[in-house]
Amino acid sequence: MENTTEKMAIETPLVMAEKACQALMQIFRAEELPPVNHFHYHQGVFLYGMYRVYQATGKKEYFEYIKAYFDHLIDEFGNVRFARDELDSTMAGILLFPLYEETKDPRYMIAAKRLRSALETINRTSENGFWHKEKYPYQMWLDGLFMGGPFMLLYSRHFHEEELIQTVLLQEKLMRKHMTDEQTGLLYHAWDERKVQPWANPETGCSQEFWGRSVGWYGTALIDLLEILGDRQRGQEELISSLQSFIPAIVKFQDEKTGLWYQIVDKGDLEDNWLESSCSALFIYFIAKGIQHGYMDNSYREVVDKAYKGLLEHMVEEKETTLNLSGICIGTSAGVYDYYVERPTSENDLHGMGAFILGSMAYYDLMKESDNNVD
């Protein structure tokens, strides 16, 4: 009986991840995922999580749903329309590679080349850091490392374009150089090279706050980049040291009562700050994977145990075949404290559902591996 109970506990994150997938699949056909007709990271993050579920379960319905989204937006010649002036569009491209590997349909690699070519037209800072978007001149945002980095590394691996690896490593190095707060070890949401934005510190150019989800994207990028690079030695040692100093900084601000994290990570003591589900899920993702890959010791296991339990208790309403996820900050620009804490929250937003599925799957993999090691 005890083994059965343990097995049920291990399966819980996978069950929750599937219920999150089903929740949106029952509402939206793949072609209708919001914002409709956009090749964008909103859909990319959710479908990336779904792909992890497909890998674990082998259930074709998930693969076919992912494929339907891309087939709706990519024509018979491999053309795909996307915003060419921003890294956010690139993120969904990471799924083009597994789609091609499974189907051998050349359209997916043609579309990947279109995304790759657009990177050349994105403006750069004086040190060759990508502007986050054309409308945000001279600004680097933490989000950008996840939005562009994994795609560039996957593209590099498939098309043997080695210089892309160094481009990605440079982006992380610039973020760490300009956006790290020495006191907390956290990274600020955004940095303005010109130091002219209303939110920018006139001396450093940094935004004033550690916004949860942007901090989560950065950590998620670090672990994904390390996974993609694997044992190829390309200078990624700095990514490892970044992750190993970053995770303890995050853990310091975990809410003692709930196990979750706040919208503004380091200011949980302020009354108008609030617990946010998508950043909490992303923190679970990269901490769990950090343990699994041996970058962090097993003492951090209790952090993810507590965080996942807190997510289920405080943010998830479980139903028979689906679930509702609350406490998700909607899409957010860089700003000052009041701007962040006054952002609306939503339920079952793709940002949050994607993050929740990713966190659930990373936790599931960690639990399963721990169980195998015991056996």
Protein backbone atom coordinates (compact mmCIF):
# COMPACT_ATOMS: atom_id res chain seq x y z
CA MET A 1 0.00 0.00 0.00
CA GLU A 2 2.87 2.36 0.85
CA ASN A 3 4.47 1.86 -2.58
CA THR A 4 1.14 2.62 -4.27
CA THR A 5 0.79 5.83 -2.25
CA GLU A 6 4.33 6.86 -3.15
CA LYS A 7 3.68 6.13 -6.83
CA MET A 8 0.53 8.27 -6.71
CA ALA A 9 2.55 11.11 -5.17
CA ILE A 10 5.20 10.84 -7.90
CA GLU A 11 2.54 10.82 -10.61
CA THR A 12 0.76 13.90 -9.21
CA PRO A 13 2.79 16.54 -11.11
CA LEU A 14 2.30 14.67 -14.39
CA VAL A 15 -1.44 14.39 -13.74
CA MET A 16 -1.57 18.12 -13.00
CA ALA A 17 0.40 18.96 -16.13
CA GLU A 18 -2.02 16.93 -18.23
CA LYS A 19 -5.01 18.60 -16.61
CA ALA A 20 -3.50 22.00 -17.40
CA CYS A 21 -3.06 20.95 -21.04
CA GLN A 22 -6.60 19.64 -21.20
CA ALA A 23 -8.01 22.82 -19.64
CA LEU A 24 -6.88 24.90 -22.61
CA MET A 25 -7.39 22.19 -25.21
CA GLN A 26 -11.05 21.99 -24.22
CA ILE A 27 -11.47 25.75 -24.67
CA PHE A 28 -9.29 26.45 -27.72
CA ARG A 29 -8.57 24.62 -30.91
CA ALA A 30 -4.83 24.92 -31.51
CA GLU A 31 -5.47 27.45 -34.27
CA GLU A 32 -7.41 29.64 -31.82
CA LEU A 33 -4.82 29.93 -29.06
CA PRO A 34 -4.69 33.59 -28.04
CA PRO A 35 -3.57 35.96 -29.38
CA VAL A 36 -5.06 34.35 -32.50
CA ASN A 37 -2.89 34.17 -35.63
CA HIS A 38 0.25 35.27 -33.77
CA PHE A 39 3.49 33.31 -33.92
CA HIS A 40 4.56 34.27 -30.46
CA TYR A 41 5.89 33.24 -27.07
CA HIS A 42 2.43 33.19 -25.42
CA GLN A 43 1.56 30.09 -27.40
CA GLY A 44 5.18 28.94 -27.48
CA VAL A 45 5.51 28.66 -23.71
CA PHE A 46 2.27 26.70 -23.35
CA LEU A 47 3.09 24.36 -26.24
CA TYR A 48 6.65 23.91 -24.99
CA GLY A 49 5.17 22.65 -21.72
CA MET A 50 2.78 20.43 -23.66
CA TYR A 51 5.71 18.98 -25.60
CA ARG A 52 7.31 17.95 -22.30
CA VAL A 53 4.05 16.17 -21.43
CA TYR A 54 4.06 14.46 -24.82
CA GLN A 55 7.63 13.27 -24.24
CA ALA A 56 6.64 11.77 -20.88
CA THR A 57 3.35 10.18 -21.95
CA GLY A 58 3.74 9.46 -25.67
CA LYS A 59 0.12 10.56 -26.15
CA LYS A 60 -0.23 11.64 -29.78
CA GLU A 61 -3.06 14.07 -29.06
CA TYR A 62 -0.51 16.47 -27.57
CA PHE A 63 1.86 16.24 -30.53
CA GLU A 64 -1.01 16.70 -32.99
CA TYR A 65 -2.25 19.76 -31.11
CA ILE A 66 1.21 21.34 -31.21
CA LYS A 67 1.55 20.50 -34.90
CA ALA A 68 -1.86 22.01 -35.69
CA TYR A 69 -0.82 25.37 -34.22
CA PHE A 70 2.31 25.54 -36.39
CA ASP A 71 0.60 24.19 -39.51
CA HIS A 72 -1.99 26.94 -39.22
CA LEU A 73 0.70 29.63 -39.33
CA ILE A 74 3.28 28.09 -41.70
CA ASP A 75 2.29 27.83 -45.35
CA GLU A 76 3.25 25.18 -47.90
CA PHE A 77 6.46 27.07 -48.73
CA GLY A 78 7.64 27.39 -45.12
CA ASN A 79 6.64 31.05 -44.92
CA VAL A 80 5.60 32.30 -41.49
CA ARG A 81 4.57 35.79 -40.49
CA PHE A 82 5.95 37.08 -37.20
CA ALA A 83 7.12 40.31 -35.61
CA ARG A 84 10.69 40.53 -36.90
CA ASP A 85 11.83 43.26 -34.53
CA GLU A 86 11.55 41.37 -31.26
CA LEU A 87 12.98 38.33 -29.52
CA ASP A 88 9.52 37.31 -28.26
CA SER A 89 8.60 35.92 -31.69
CA THR A 90 11.64 33.66 -31.75
CA MET A 91 10.72 31.63 -28.69
CA ALA A 92 8.02 29.51 -30.36
CA GLY A 93 10.65 28.44 -32.89
CA ILE A 94 12.17 25.96 -30.46
CA LEU A 95 9.35 23.55 -31.30
CA LEU A 96 10.16 23.60 -35.02
CA PHE A 97 13.08 21.25 -34.37
CA PRO A 98 11.16 18.38 -32.71
CA LEU A 99 8.38 18.84 -35.28
CA TYR A 100 10.92 18.36 -38.06
CA GLU A 101 12.61 15.43 -36.34
CA GLU A 102 9.30 13.59 -36.04
CA THR A 103 7.78 14.46 -39.44
CA LYS A 104 10.79 15.32 -41.67
CA ASP A 105 8.60 18.05 -43.17
CA PRO A 106 11.06 20.60 -44.65
CA ARG A 107 8.66 23.49 -44.04
CA TYR A 108 9.62 23.55 -40.37
CA MET A 109 13.31 24.08 -41.11
CA ILE A 110 12.53 26.72 -43.73
CA ALA A 111 10.48 28.54 -41.09
CA ALA A 112 13.39 28.19 -38.65
CA LYS A 113 15.67 29.85 -41.22
CA ARG A 114 13.20 32.73 -41.52
CA LEU A 115 13.36 33.24 -37.74
CA ARG A 116 17.14 32.99 -37.78
CA SER A 117 17.53 35.59 -40.51
CA ALA A 118 15.38 38.06 -38.60
CA LEU A 119 17.84 38.01 -35.71
CA GLU A 120 20.33 39.81 -37.94
CA THR A 121 17.97 42.78 -38.26
CA ILE A 122 17.36 43.29 -34.53
CA ASN A 123 19.19 46.36 -33.28
CA ARG A 124 21.97 45.95 -30.70
CA THR A 125 23.51 47.86 -27.83
CA SER A 126 27.08 49.15 -28.13
CA GLU A 127 28.27 45.79 -26.72
CA ASN A 128 26.20 43.74 -29.18
CA GLY A 129 23.34 42.94 -26.81
CA PHE A 130 19.94 42.51 -28.47
CA TRP A 131 17.38 45.27 -27.96
CA HIS A 132 14.33 43.54 -26.53
CA LYS A 133 12.08 45.14 -29.14
CA GLU A 134 12.36 47.94 -31.65
CA LYS A 135 10.00 50.04 -29.55
CA TYR A 136 12.29 49.59 -26.53
CA PRO A 137 15.52 51.14 -27.87
CA TYR A 138 18.84 50.36 -26.17
CA GLN A 139 17.05 48.15 -23.66
CA MET A 140 17.92 44.58 -22.66
CA TRP A 141 15.28 42.66 -20.69
CA LEU A 142 15.83 39.46 -18.72
CA ASP A 143 13.01 37.84 -20.69
CA GLY A 144 15.11 38.04 -23.84
CA LEU A 145 17.56 35.32 -22.82
CA PHE A 146 14.77 32.74 -22.78
CA MET A 147 12.94 34.20 -25.78
CA GLY A 148 15.98 33.99 -28.06
CA GLY A 149 18.66 31.83 -26.46
CA PRO A 150 17.31 28.26 -26.65
CA PHE A 151 16.18 28.77 -30.26
CA MET A 152 19.62 30.02 -31.27
CA LEU A 153 21.36 27.05 -29.64
CA LEU A 154 19.00 24.54 -31.24
CA TYR A 155 19.50 26.24 -34.59
CA SER A 156 23.26 26.17 -34.06
CA ARG A 157 23.15 22.45 -33.34
CA HIS A 158 20.98 21.62 -36.35
CA PHE A 159 22.71 23.86 -38.90
CA HIS A 160 26.24 23.75 -37.39
CA GLU A 161 26.38 27.50 -36.87
CA GLU A 162 28.86 27.61 -34.02
CA GLU A 163 29.05 31.40 -33.71
CA LEU A 164 25.44 31.49 -32.49
CA ILE A 165 26.58 29.80 -29.27
CA GLN A 166 28.93 32.67 -28.50
CA THR A 167 26.17 35.17 -29.32
CA VAL A 168 23.93 33.55 -26.71
CA LEU A 169 26.67 33.35 -24.08
CA LEU A 170 27.40 37.04 -24.68
CA GLN A 171 23.75 37.97 -24.05
CA GLU A 172 23.81 36.23 -20.67
CA LYS A 173 27.15 37.80 -19.79
CA LEU A 174 25.85 41.30 -20.59
CA MET A 175 22.71 40.76 -18.51
CA ARG A 176 24.77 39.53 -15.60
CA LYS A 177 27.19 42.44 -15.95
CA HIS A 178 24.60 45.21 -16.14
CA MET A 179 21.55 43.85 -14.29
CA THR A 180 22.84 41.96 -11.24
CA ASP A 181 22.23 43.51 -7.84
CA GLU A 182 25.26 42.70 -5.69
CA GLN A 183 23.29 42.93 -2.45
CA THR A 184 20.57 40.37 -3.23
CA GLY A 185 22.14 38.39 -6.08
CA LEU A 186 18.96 38.92 -8.10
CA LEU A 187 18.80 40.53 -11.55
CA TYR A 188 16.67 43.55 -12.38
CA HIS A 189 13.94 43.21 -15.00
CA ALA A 190 15.44 45.61 -17.54
CA TRP A 191 18.48 47.73 -18.36
CA ASP A 192 18.58 50.88 -20.46
CA GLU A 193 22.02 51.56 -21.94
CA ARG A 194 21.12 55.23 -22.52
CA LYS A 195 19.72 55.61 -18.95
CA VAL A 196 16.83 57.75 -20.15
CA GLN A 197 13.75 55.62 -19.42
CA PRO A 198 11.45 56.83 -16.62
CA TRP A 199 12.10 53.59 -14.73
CA ALA A 200 15.90 53.62 -15.22
CA ASN A 201 18.33 54.29 -12.41
CA PRO A 202 20.25 57.35 -13.66
CA GLU A 203 23.57 55.80 -12.60
CA THR A 204 23.17 52.15 -13.57
CA GLY A 205 20.39 52.24 -16.19
CA CYS A 206 18.62 49.37 -14.38
CA SER A 207 14.93 49.18 -13.66
CA GLN A 208 14.17 49.43 -9.96
CA GLU A 209 12.53 46.08 -9.25
CA PHE A 210 13.00 42.33 -9.49
CA TRP A 211 9.82 41.32 -11.32
CA GLY A 212 9.04 37.69 -10.61
CA ARG A 213 8.34 36.31 -14.05
CA SER A 214 11.30 38.04 -15.69
CA VAL A 215 13.56 36.62 -12.99
CA GLY A 216 11.94 33.25 -13.76
CA TRP A 217 12.62 33.53 -17.48
CA TYR A 218 16.28 34.19 -16.78
CA GLY A 219 16.68 31.09 -14.59
CA THR A 220 14.66 28.99 -17.04
CA ALA A 221 16.96 30.13 -19.84
CA LEU A 222 20.09 29.24 -17.87
CA ILE A 223 19.04 25.64 -17.29
CA ASP A 224 17.65 25.15 -20.80
CA LEU A 225 20.83 26.51 -22.39
CA LEU A 226 22.91 24.13 -20.27
CA GLU A 227 20.69 21.19 -21.26
CA ILE A 228 20.96 21.99 -24.97
CA LEU A 229 24.73 22.44 -24.86
CA GLY A 230 25.16 19.21 -22.93
CA ASP A 231 28.78 18.13 -22.64
CA ARG A 232 30.02 20.28 -25.54
CA GLN A 233 32.53 22.65 -24.02
CA ARG A 234 31.72 26.04 -25.49
CA GLY A 235 32.40 28.34 -22.57
CA GLN A 236 29.15 27.59 -20.75
CA GLU A 237 30.96 27.23 -17.42
CA GLU A 238 29.85 30.78 -16.67
CA LEU A 239 26.23 29.69 -17.08
CA ILE A 240 26.79 27.07 -14.38
CA SER A 241 28.27 29.57 -11.94
CA SER A 242 25.44 32.00 -12.78
CA LEU A 243 22.86 29.35 -11.93
CA GLN A 244 24.66 28.26 -8.77
CA SER A 245 24.72 31.79 -7.38
CA PHE A 246 21.27 32.70 -8.67
CA ILE A 247 19.29 29.83 -7.11
CA PRO A 248 20.34 30.56 -3.49
CA ALA A 249 19.43 34.22 -4.09
CA ILE A 250 15.92 33.15 -5.20
CA VAL A 251 15.47 30.73 -2.32
CA LYS A 252 16.12 33.49 0.25
CA PHE A 253 12.86 35.14 -0.77
CA GLN A 254 10.58 32.10 -0.75
CA ASP A 255 7.49 32.85 1.32
CA GLU A 256 7.74 30.93 4.57
CA LYS A 257 4.00 30.32 4.90
CA THR A 258 2.99 29.30 1.37
CA GLY A 259 6.25 28.26 -0.29
CA LEU A 260 5.53 30.64 -3.17
CA TRP A 261 7.18 33.84 -4.39
CA TYR A 262 5.96 37.40 -4.79
CA GLN A 263 5.29 39.56 -7.85
CA ILE A 264 8.19 41.75 -6.66
CA VAL A 265 10.49 39.03 -5.43
CA ASP A 266 12.30 40.78 -2.58
CA LYS A 267 9.42 42.83 -1.14
CA GLY A 268 7.07 40.25 0.31
CA ASP A 269 6.73 42.36 3.44
CA LEU A 270 4.83 45.13 1.60
CA GLU A 271 1.05 44.92 1.93
CA ASP A 272 0.21 45.64 -1.70
CA ASN A 273 2.67 43.05 -3.06
CA TRP A 274 1.15 39.65 -3.85
CA LEU A 275 2.03 36.02 -4.47
CA GLU A 276 2.31 35.19 -8.17
CA SER A 277 1.89 31.74 -9.69
CA SER A 278 3.83 31.89 -12.96
CA CYS A 279 7.11 33.01 -11.39
CA SER A 280 6.71 30.43 -8.62
CA ALA A 281 6.27 27.70 -11.27
CA LEU A 282 9.32 28.87 -13.23
CA PHE A 283 11.42 28.89 -10.05
CA ILE A 284 10.33 25.30 -9.40
CA TYR A 285 11.37 24.47 -12.98
CA PHE A 286 14.95 25.60 -12.84
CA ILE A 287 15.60 24.70 -9.21
CA ALA A 288 14.29 21.15 -9.77
CA LYS A 289 16.38 20.81 -12.92
CA GLY A 290 19.40 22.28 -11.15
CA ILE A 291 19.14 19.49 -8.57
CA GLN A 292 18.51 16.83 -11.21
CA HIS A 293 21.60 17.79 -13.21
CA GLY A 294 23.82 18.00 -10.13
CA TYR A 295 24.36 21.77 -10.22
CA MET A 296 22.68 22.10 -6.81
CA ASP A 297 22.79 19.68 -3.90
CA ASN A 298 19.78 17.75 -2.69
CA SER A 299 19.16 20.11 0.23
CA TYR A 300 17.24 22.27 -2.26
CA ARG A 301 14.70 19.49 -2.70
CA GLU A 302 12.67 20.77 0.25
CA VAL A 303 12.41 24.16 -1.50
CA VAL A 304 10.68 22.66 -4.54
CA ASP A 305 8.60 20.28 -2.42
CA LYS A 306 7.23 23.21 -0.47
CA ALA A 307 6.78 25.40 -3.55
CA TYR A 308 4.87 22.79 -5.55
CA LYS A 309 2.66 21.98 -2.58
CA GLY A 310 2.00 25.71 -2.21
CA LEU A 311 1.07 26.08 -5.87
CA LEU A 312 -1.49 23.29 -5.62
CA GLU A 313 -2.92 24.59 -2.35
CA HIS A 314 -3.12 28.29 -3.13
CA MET A 315 -3.29 28.68 -6.91
CA VAL A 316 -4.86 25.53 -8.37
CA GLU A 317 -8.50 24.51 -8.41
CA GLU A 318 -8.46 20.88 -9.52
CA LYS A 319 -11.36 19.41 -11.47
CA GLU A 320 -12.05 15.93 -12.78
CA THR A 321 -10.21 16.29 -16.10
CA THR A 322 -8.90 19.88 -16.00
CA LEU A 323 -7.81 22.55 -13.55
CA ASN A 324 -7.91 26.31 -13.10
CA LEU A 325 -4.73 28.23 -12.33
CA SER A 326 -5.07 31.66 -10.72
CA GLY A 327 -2.69 34.43 -9.64
CA ILE A 328 -1.09 34.89 -13.08
CA CYS A 329 0.27 38.34 -13.82
CA ILE A 330 -0.76 39.42 -17.32
CA GLY A 331 1.87 40.53 -19.87
CA THR A 332 4.01 43.26 -18.37
CA SER A 333 6.53 45.87 -19.51
CA ALA A 334 9.36 47.33 -17.44
CA GLY A 335 8.29 49.85 -14.83
CA VAL A 336 8.38 51.03 -11.24
CA TYR A 337 7.00 49.30 -8.13
CA ASP A 338 3.45 50.66 -8.37
CA TYR A 339 3.18 49.60 -11.99
CA TYR A 340 4.03 45.98 -11.19
CA VAL A 341 1.81 45.54 -8.14
CA GLU A 342 -1.14 47.17 -9.91
CA ARG A 343 -0.96 44.76 -12.84
CA PRO A 344 -4.12 42.66 -13.20
CA THR A 345 -4.04 38.92 -12.69
CA SER A 346 -5.82 36.36 -14.80
CA GLU A 347 -6.87 32.72 -14.70
CA ASN A 348 -5.51 30.13 -17.13
CA ASP A 349 -3.47 32.71 -19.04
CA LEU A 350 -0.98 31.00 -21.36
CA HIS A 351 1.97 32.59 -19.53
CA GLY A 352 0.93 30.88 -16.32
CA MET A 353 -0.33 27.60 -17.73
CA GLY A 354 2.87 27.14 -19.72
CA ALA A 355 5.00 27.91 -16.68
CA PHE A 356 2.89 25.61 -14.49
CA ILE A 357 3.24 22.71 -16.92
CA LEU A 358 6.99 23.23 -17.19
CA GLY A 359 7.35 23.40 -13.40
CA SER A 360 5.18 20.32 -12.97
CA MET A 361 7.18 18.31 -15.49
CA ALA A 362 10.54 19.30 -14.01
CA TYR A 363 9.27 18.33 -10.55
CA TYR A 364 7.91 15.06 -11.93
CA ASP A 365 11.28 14.21 -13.51
CA LEU A 366 13.08 15.00 -10.26
CA MET A 367 10.70 12.85 -8.18
CA LYS A 368 10.89 9.97 -10.62
CA GLU A 369 14.68 10.06 -10.68
CA SER A 370 14.87 10.22 -6.87
CA ASP A 371 12.53 7.22 -6.65
CA ASN A 372 14.67 5.24 -9.12
CA ASN A 373 17.80 6.03 -7.14
CA VAL A 374 16.17 4.71 -3.96
CA ASP A 375 15.22 1.49 -5.70
